[in-house]
Amino acid sequence: MIKAKEQSTKGAALLAGEEKRRSQRVIVRVPVTLFKTQDGHTATINCYTVAVNVHGAMVVSPRTIDEDTKLELLNDRTNEKIGCRVTRSPRESSEGFLVPVEFITSGPNFWQITFPPANWKAQDG
């Protein structure tokens, strides 16, 4: 079992560069599908999350997606869709490309999980 401190360190390494957060993130793997429409054609990309928050997610994709690309994100567990955009250039990792996305409209219940309060911190030990 991963201790909270180890897990928070791992999450920080995955999401380095995101110092200011609007909400707490939760490290969770959720299967998702991205839909990218360009020139009237829609590409389907099967992915999964490594972290989610009420504003979006960090998604692992088998291919890179340009910054500012607008997508539709399908939560494969709930079949709910939401519009999103890529917030910055993806980084390559051993599992694929880490693609940060934020929801275009508010989606506080999209992941159907309860998030920790904004002032929550993991206890050491």
Protein backbone atom coordinates (compact mmCIF):
# COMPACT_ATOMS: atom_id res chain seq x y z
CA MET A 1 0.00 0.00 0.00
CA ILE A 2 1.29 3.49 -0.84
CA LYS A 3 1.42 5.85 2.10
CA ALA A 4 -0.24 9.25 1.69
CA LYS A 5 3.11 11.04 1.78
CA GLU A 6 4.57 8.79 -0.95
CA GLN A 7 1.43 9.17 -3.03
CA SER A 8 1.44 12.96 -2.73
CA THR A 9 5.12 13.02 -3.73
CA LYS A 10 4.39 10.82 -6.74
CA GLY A 11 1.48 13.05 -7.77
CA ALA A 12 3.64 16.15 -7.42
CA ALA A 13 6.24 14.63 -9.73
CA LEU A 14 3.59 13.79 -12.32
CA LEU A 15 2.12 17.26 -12.25
CA ALA A 16 5.18 19.43 -11.66
CA GLY A 17 4.78 23.05 -12.71
CA GLU A 18 1.24 23.40 -11.41
CA GLU A 19 2.05 25.26 -8.21
CA LYS A 20 -1.17 27.28 -7.96
CA ARG A 21 -4.33 25.19 -7.76
CA ARG A 22 -7.92 26.28 -7.86
CA SER A 23 -8.99 23.01 -6.21
CA GLN A 24 -7.52 19.89 -4.66
CA ARG A 25 -6.58 17.10 -7.01
CA VAL A 26 -7.21 13.42 -6.42
CA ILE A 27 -4.82 10.82 -7.80
CA VAL A 28 -7.13 8.34 -9.50
CA ARG A 29 -7.13 6.27 -12.69
CA VAL A 30 -10.38 6.71 -14.60
CA PRO A 31 -10.82 5.42 -18.16
CA VAL A 32 -11.79 8.28 -20.47
CA THR A 33 -12.24 8.84 -24.19
CA LEU A 34 -11.21 12.07 -25.90
CA PHE A 35 -12.99 13.21 -29.05
CA LYS A 36 -11.07 15.60 -31.28
CA THR A 37 -12.98 17.12 -34.20
CA GLN A 38 -11.01 18.67 -37.05
CA ASP A 39 -12.15 19.44 -40.59
CA GLY A 40 -15.44 17.66 -39.98
CA HIS A 41 -13.76 14.40 -38.88
CA THR A 42 -13.76 13.17 -35.29
CA ALA A 43 -10.82 11.22 -33.91
CA THR A 44 -11.40 9.00 -30.87
CA ILE A 45 -8.53 8.61 -28.40
CA ASN A 46 -8.75 6.06 -25.57
CA CYS A 47 -6.99 7.41 -22.48
CA TYR A 48 -7.05 7.39 -18.69
CA THR A 49 -6.56 9.94 -15.95
CA VAL A 50 -3.72 10.05 -13.44
CA ALA A 51 -5.24 12.93 -11.46
CA VAL A 52 -8.56 14.78 -11.47
CA ASN A 53 -10.00 17.92 -9.88
CA VAL A 54 -13.24 19.86 -10.18
CA HIS A 55 -11.77 21.87 -13.07
CA GLY A 56 -10.33 19.07 -15.22
CA ALA A 57 -7.70 16.32 -15.24
CA MET A 58 -4.26 15.10 -16.21
CA VAL A 59 -4.83 12.50 -18.90
CA VAL A 60 -2.41 9.92 -20.29
CA SER A 61 -2.81 9.74 -24.06
CA PRO A 62 -1.08 7.46 -26.58
CA ARG A 63 -0.41 10.55 -28.71
CA THR A 64 0.32 14.20 -28.17
CA ILE A 65 -2.39 16.85 -28.53
CA ASP A 66 -1.54 20.50 -29.21
CA GLU A 67 -1.98 23.15 -26.54
CA ASP A 68 -5.35 25.00 -26.73
CA THR A 69 -6.99 22.13 -28.65
CA LYS A 70 -10.68 21.86 -27.81
CA LEU A 71 -11.94 18.34 -27.10
CA GLU A 72 -14.87 16.45 -25.70
CA LEU A 73 -14.03 14.21 -22.76
CA LEU A 74 -16.15 11.14 -22.03
CA ASN A 75 -16.01 9.59 -18.57
CA ASP A 76 -16.16 5.92 -19.59
CA ARG A 77 -17.53 4.91 -16.15
CA THR A 78 -20.55 7.23 -16.27
CA ASN A 79 -20.94 7.92 -20.03
CA GLU A 80 -21.05 11.65 -19.21
CA LYS A 81 -19.37 14.07 -21.67
CA ILE A 82 -17.93 17.51 -21.10
CA GLY A 83 -16.10 20.01 -23.28
CA CYS A 84 -12.48 20.70 -22.38
CA ARG A 85 -9.28 22.20 -23.74
CA VAL A 86 -5.60 21.31 -23.48
CA THR A 87 -4.05 23.91 -21.15
CA ARG A 88 -0.38 23.49 -22.12
CA SER A 89 1.90 21.33 -24.24
CA PRO A 90 1.82 17.67 -23.20
CA ARG A 91 4.91 16.03 -21.72
CA GLU A 92 6.06 12.61 -22.80
CA SER A 93 6.24 9.92 -20.12
CA SER A 94 6.92 6.19 -20.06
CA GLU A 95 3.15 5.55 -20.25
CA GLY A 96 2.32 8.03 -23.02
CA PHE A 97 1.76 11.77 -23.18
CA LEU A 98 0.61 13.64 -20.06
CA VAL A 99 -2.13 15.94 -21.38
CA PRO A 100 -3.51 18.55 -18.95
CA VAL A 101 -7.13 19.44 -19.72
CA GLU A 102 -9.55 21.89 -18.13
CA PHE A 103 -13.30 21.88 -18.46
CA ILE A 104 -14.80 24.63 -20.65
CA THR A 105 -17.94 24.73 -18.50
CA SER A 106 -18.27 24.03 -14.79
CA GLY A 107 -18.22 20.31 -13.97
CA PRO A 108 -17.96 19.95 -10.19
CA ASN A 109 -19.73 16.56 -10.19
CA PHE A 110 -18.28 15.21 -13.45
CA TRP A 111 -16.00 12.70 -11.70
CA GLN A 112 -18.71 11.75 -9.16
CA ILE A 113 -16.25 11.81 -6.27
CA THR A 114 -15.99 14.03 -3.21
CA PHE A 115 -12.91 16.23 -3.26
CA PRO A 116 -10.97 17.24 -0.15
CA PRO A 117 -11.45 20.85 0.98
CA ALA A 118 -9.06 23.43 -0.50
CA ASN A 119 -7.10 23.72 2.77
CA TRP A 120 -6.60 19.94 3.19
CA LYS A 121 -3.04 18.65 3.63
CA ALA A 122 -1.84 15.04 3.99
CA GLN A 123 -0.45 14.29 7.44
CA ASP A 124 3.16 13.16 7.74
CA GLY A 125 3.78 9.80 9.35
